[in-house]
Amino acid sequence: MWGSSYDRAKGTGYNDGTMGGMLGAVDHNRQKQEREAASNAAVHDEAERRRKARKSAKDDDNAKVICTELHRQGLMSRADYALGADYARKHLTERHYRGYHAWALAAVRHMRRSKRATAFWRILAQARADHIAYLYGDTARRNRFGALLCAVGYPACYLIGSLIGEPDWRSLYRTSED
């Protein structure tokens, strides 16, 4: 009789005044704390993973400085921006980015001061975006000028990137307090 009462009370985690109930309550509370700690750790790990993914995605997106500036100014659609970022992530190397940043950082600084410069770079960036959309299957957006820009621009950026060090594109996004 005592054995079944002990087991029953220990299994419920309810302290009914018996030895089994007291031990069951202690075990139950300890197991509950362990489950909560594991759950909290999993939630924390997931939040940290998402934060790192957002930071990495933001870094990847900001690496495309001209498109980022156009998107910031509302002159490039989110869909074109995201498609260009995806294409660059899959097809371009760090050397391409390094060569691109060598000249694009100055272009963005000029875009921030001049509407004409912004309009010029918007034409080029939109042609490239149309070509990338075509490569992803949107046949209505075929753009031969964009194809020419990519055919000439990517090798040129790669060549420049092999000749220079890493420019700091993050300087475009720092405030004066940094």
Protein backbone atom coordinates (compact mmCIF):
# COMPACT_ATOMS: atom_id res chain seq x y z
CA MET A 1 0.00 0.00 0.00
CA TRP A 2 2.70 2.46 0.98
CA GLY A 3 4.56 1.74 -2.24
CA SER A 4 1.65 2.64 -4.49
CA SER A 5 0.91 5.81 -2.49
CA TYR A 6 4.59 6.71 -2.65
CA ASP A 7 4.78 6.13 -6.40
CA ARG A 8 1.49 7.89 -7.07
CA ALA A 9 2.46 10.96 -5.03
CA LYS A 10 6.00 11.06 -6.43
CA GLY A 11 4.68 10.84 -9.99
CA THR A 12 2.29 13.78 -9.59
CA GLY A 13 4.70 16.17 -7.94
CA TYR A 14 2.01 16.99 -5.39
CA ASN A 15 3.13 17.07 -1.78
CA ASP A 16 0.35 15.22 0.03
CA GLY A 17 2.29 14.98 3.28
CA THR A 18 3.76 11.57 2.50
CA MET A 19 7.43 10.90 1.93
CA GLY A 20 6.67 10.15 -1.71
CA GLY A 21 4.76 13.38 -2.07
CA MET A 22 7.59 15.44 -0.60
CA LEU A 23 10.23 13.75 -2.77
CA GLY A 24 7.93 13.91 -5.77
CA ALA A 25 7.40 17.65 -5.29
CA VAL A 26 11.17 18.21 -5.05
CA ASP A 27 11.84 16.10 -8.15
CA HIS A 28 8.96 17.73 -10.02
CA ASN A 29 10.18 21.25 -9.21
CA ARG A 30 13.76 20.41 -10.16
CA GLN A 31 12.65 18.87 -13.47
CA LYS A 32 10.40 21.87 -14.14
CA GLN A 33 13.32 24.25 -13.51
CA GLU A 34 15.57 22.21 -15.79
CA ARG A 35 12.94 22.26 -18.56
CA GLU A 36 12.47 26.01 -18.15
CA ALA A 37 16.24 26.61 -18.20
CA ALA A 38 16.61 24.50 -21.35
CA SER A 39 13.68 26.31 -22.95
CA ASN A 40 15.12 29.71 -22.03
CA ALA A 41 18.52 28.69 -23.40
CA ALA A 42 16.89 27.54 -26.65
CA VAL A 43 14.96 30.82 -26.94
CA HIS A 44 18.14 32.79 -26.24
CA ASP A 45 20.13 30.78 -28.78
CA GLU A 46 17.42 31.27 -31.41
CA ALA A 47 17.29 35.01 -30.72
CA GLU A 48 21.08 35.23 -31.00
CA ARG A 49 21.05 33.24 -34.26
CA ARG A 50 18.40 35.57 -35.70
CA ARG A 51 20.33 38.66 -34.59
CA LYS A 52 23.48 37.38 -36.26
CA ALA A 53 21.54 36.48 -39.42
CA ARG A 54 20.01 39.98 -39.55
CA LYS A 55 23.42 41.57 -39.03
CA SER A 56 24.96 39.36 -41.71
CA ALA A 57 22.13 40.08 -44.13
CA LYS A 58 22.41 43.78 -43.41
CA ASP A 59 26.17 43.64 -44.02
CA ASP A 60 25.60 41.73 -47.26
CA ASP A 61 22.95 44.17 -48.43
CA ASN A 62 24.99 47.23 -47.47
CA ALA A 63 27.91 45.81 -49.43
CA LYS A 64 25.92 46.85 -52.52
CA VAL A 65 26.39 50.51 -51.75
CA ILE A 66 24.82 52.13 -54.85
CA CYS A 67 21.69 49.96 -54.74
CA THR A 68 21.49 50.48 -50.98
CA GLU A 69 21.61 54.24 -51.45
CA LEU A 70 18.98 54.14 -54.21
CA HIS A 71 16.76 51.95 -52.05
CA ARG A 72 17.29 54.27 -49.08
CA GLN A 73 16.18 57.20 -51.22
CA GLY A 74 13.12 55.27 -52.43
CA LEU A 75 14.38 55.04 -56.01
CA MET A 76 14.79 51.26 -56.19
CA SER A 77 12.07 48.77 -55.37
CA ARG A 78 12.51 46.34 -52.53
CA ALA A 79 12.04 43.41 -54.93
CA ASP A 80 14.82 44.59 -57.27
CA TYR A 81 17.05 45.34 -54.30
CA ALA A 82 16.53 41.89 -52.78
CA LEU A 83 16.98 40.13 -56.13
CA GLY A 84 20.25 41.99 -56.76
CA ALA A 85 21.51 41.12 -53.27
CA ASP A 86 20.65 37.46 -53.82
CA TYR A 87 22.38 37.40 -57.20
CA ALA A 88 25.50 39.08 -55.81
CA ARG A 89 25.64 36.73 -52.84
CA LYS A 90 25.49 33.69 -55.14
CA HIS A 91 27.75 34.83 -58.00
CA LEU A 92 30.24 37.44 -56.84
CA THR A 93 33.36 37.01 -54.75
CA GLU A 94 35.00 39.18 -52.11
CA ARG A 95 37.38 40.36 -54.81
CA HIS A 96 34.43 41.61 -56.89
CA TYR A 97 33.10 43.51 -53.88
CA ARG A 98 36.51 44.99 -53.10
CA GLY A 99 36.87 46.32 -56.66
CA TYR A 100 33.29 47.59 -56.68
CA HIS A 101 33.78 49.43 -53.39
CA ALA A 102 36.95 51.10 -54.71
CA TRP A 103 34.86 53.31 -56.99
CA ALA A 104 31.27 52.95 -55.71
CA LEU A 105 31.95 54.58 -52.33
CA ALA A 106 32.88 57.82 -54.08
CA ALA A 107 29.83 57.48 -56.33
CA VAL A 108 27.49 57.22 -53.33
CA ARG A 109 29.07 60.24 -51.65
CA HIS A 110 28.48 62.15 -54.87
CA MET A 111 24.90 60.81 -55.12
CA ARG A 112 24.15 62.24 -51.68
CA ARG A 113 25.15 65.71 -52.90
CA SER A 114 23.80 65.68 -56.46
CA LYS A 115 20.41 64.75 -57.89
CA ARG A 116 21.97 64.43 -61.33
CA ALA A 117 24.50 61.91 -60.08
CA THR A 118 21.70 60.00 -58.40
CA ALA A 119 19.66 59.99 -61.62
CA PHE A 120 22.69 58.75 -63.60
CA TRP A 121 23.44 55.88 -61.20
CA ARG A 122 19.74 55.04 -61.01
CA ILE A 123 19.66 54.43 -64.77
CA LEU A 124 22.65 52.10 -64.55
CA ALA A 125 21.44 50.28 -61.44
CA GLN A 126 17.95 49.80 -62.90
CA ALA A 127 19.40 48.39 -66.12
CA ARG A 128 21.42 45.92 -64.04
CA ALA A 129 18.35 45.08 -61.93
CA ASP A 130 16.32 44.43 -65.09
CA HIS A 131 19.03 42.13 -66.43
CA ILE A 132 19.19 40.20 -63.17
CA ALA A 133 15.39 39.85 -63.15
CA TYR A 134 15.67 38.50 -66.71
CA LEU A 135 18.28 35.99 -65.56
CA TYR A 136 15.88 34.86 -62.84
CA GLY A 137 13.16 34.22 -65.43
CA ASP A 138 11.28 37.50 -65.94
CA THR A 139 11.54 37.59 -69.74
CA ALA A 140 9.62 40.87 -69.96
CA ARG A 141 12.51 42.67 -68.28
CA ARG A 142 15.24 41.79 -70.73
CA ASN A 143 17.74 44.65 -70.80
CA ARG A 144 20.73 44.43 -73.13
CA PHE A 145 22.31 47.53 -71.65
CA GLY A 146 22.14 45.84 -68.23
CA ALA A 147 23.69 42.71 -69.73
CA LEU A 148 26.51 44.84 -71.17
CA LEU A 149 27.04 46.56 -67.81
CA CYS A 150 27.33 43.19 -66.08
CA ALA A 151 29.57 41.71 -68.79
CA VAL A 152 32.00 44.63 -68.51
CA GLY A 153 31.48 45.65 -64.88
CA TYR A 154 31.94 42.34 -63.10
CA PRO A 155 35.36 41.52 -64.66
CA ALA A 156 36.47 45.15 -64.18
CA CYS A 157 35.52 45.05 -60.50
CA TYR A 158 37.27 41.70 -60.09
CA LEU A 159 40.44 43.10 -61.69
CA ILE A 160 40.37 46.24 -59.55
CA GLY A 161 39.68 44.12 -56.46
CA SER A 162 42.75 42.02 -57.12
CA LEU A 163 44.92 45.15 -57.21
CA ILE A 164 43.76 46.99 -54.08
CA GLY A 165 43.08 46.44 -50.40
CA GLU A 166 39.70 46.48 -48.69
CA PRO A 167 37.97 49.90 -48.65
CA ASP A 168 35.72 50.60 -45.68
CA TRP A 169 32.18 50.82 -47.12
CA ARG A 170 30.78 50.98 -43.58
CA SER A 171 32.01 54.59 -43.41
CA LEU A 172 28.99 55.55 -45.50
CA TYR A 173 26.64 54.48 -42.73
CA ARG A 174 28.39 55.90 -39.69
CA THR A 175 27.01 58.94 -37.98
CA SER A 176 29.11 61.76 -36.65
CA GLU A 177 28.72 60.39 -33.09
CA ASP A 178 30.47 57.08 -34.01
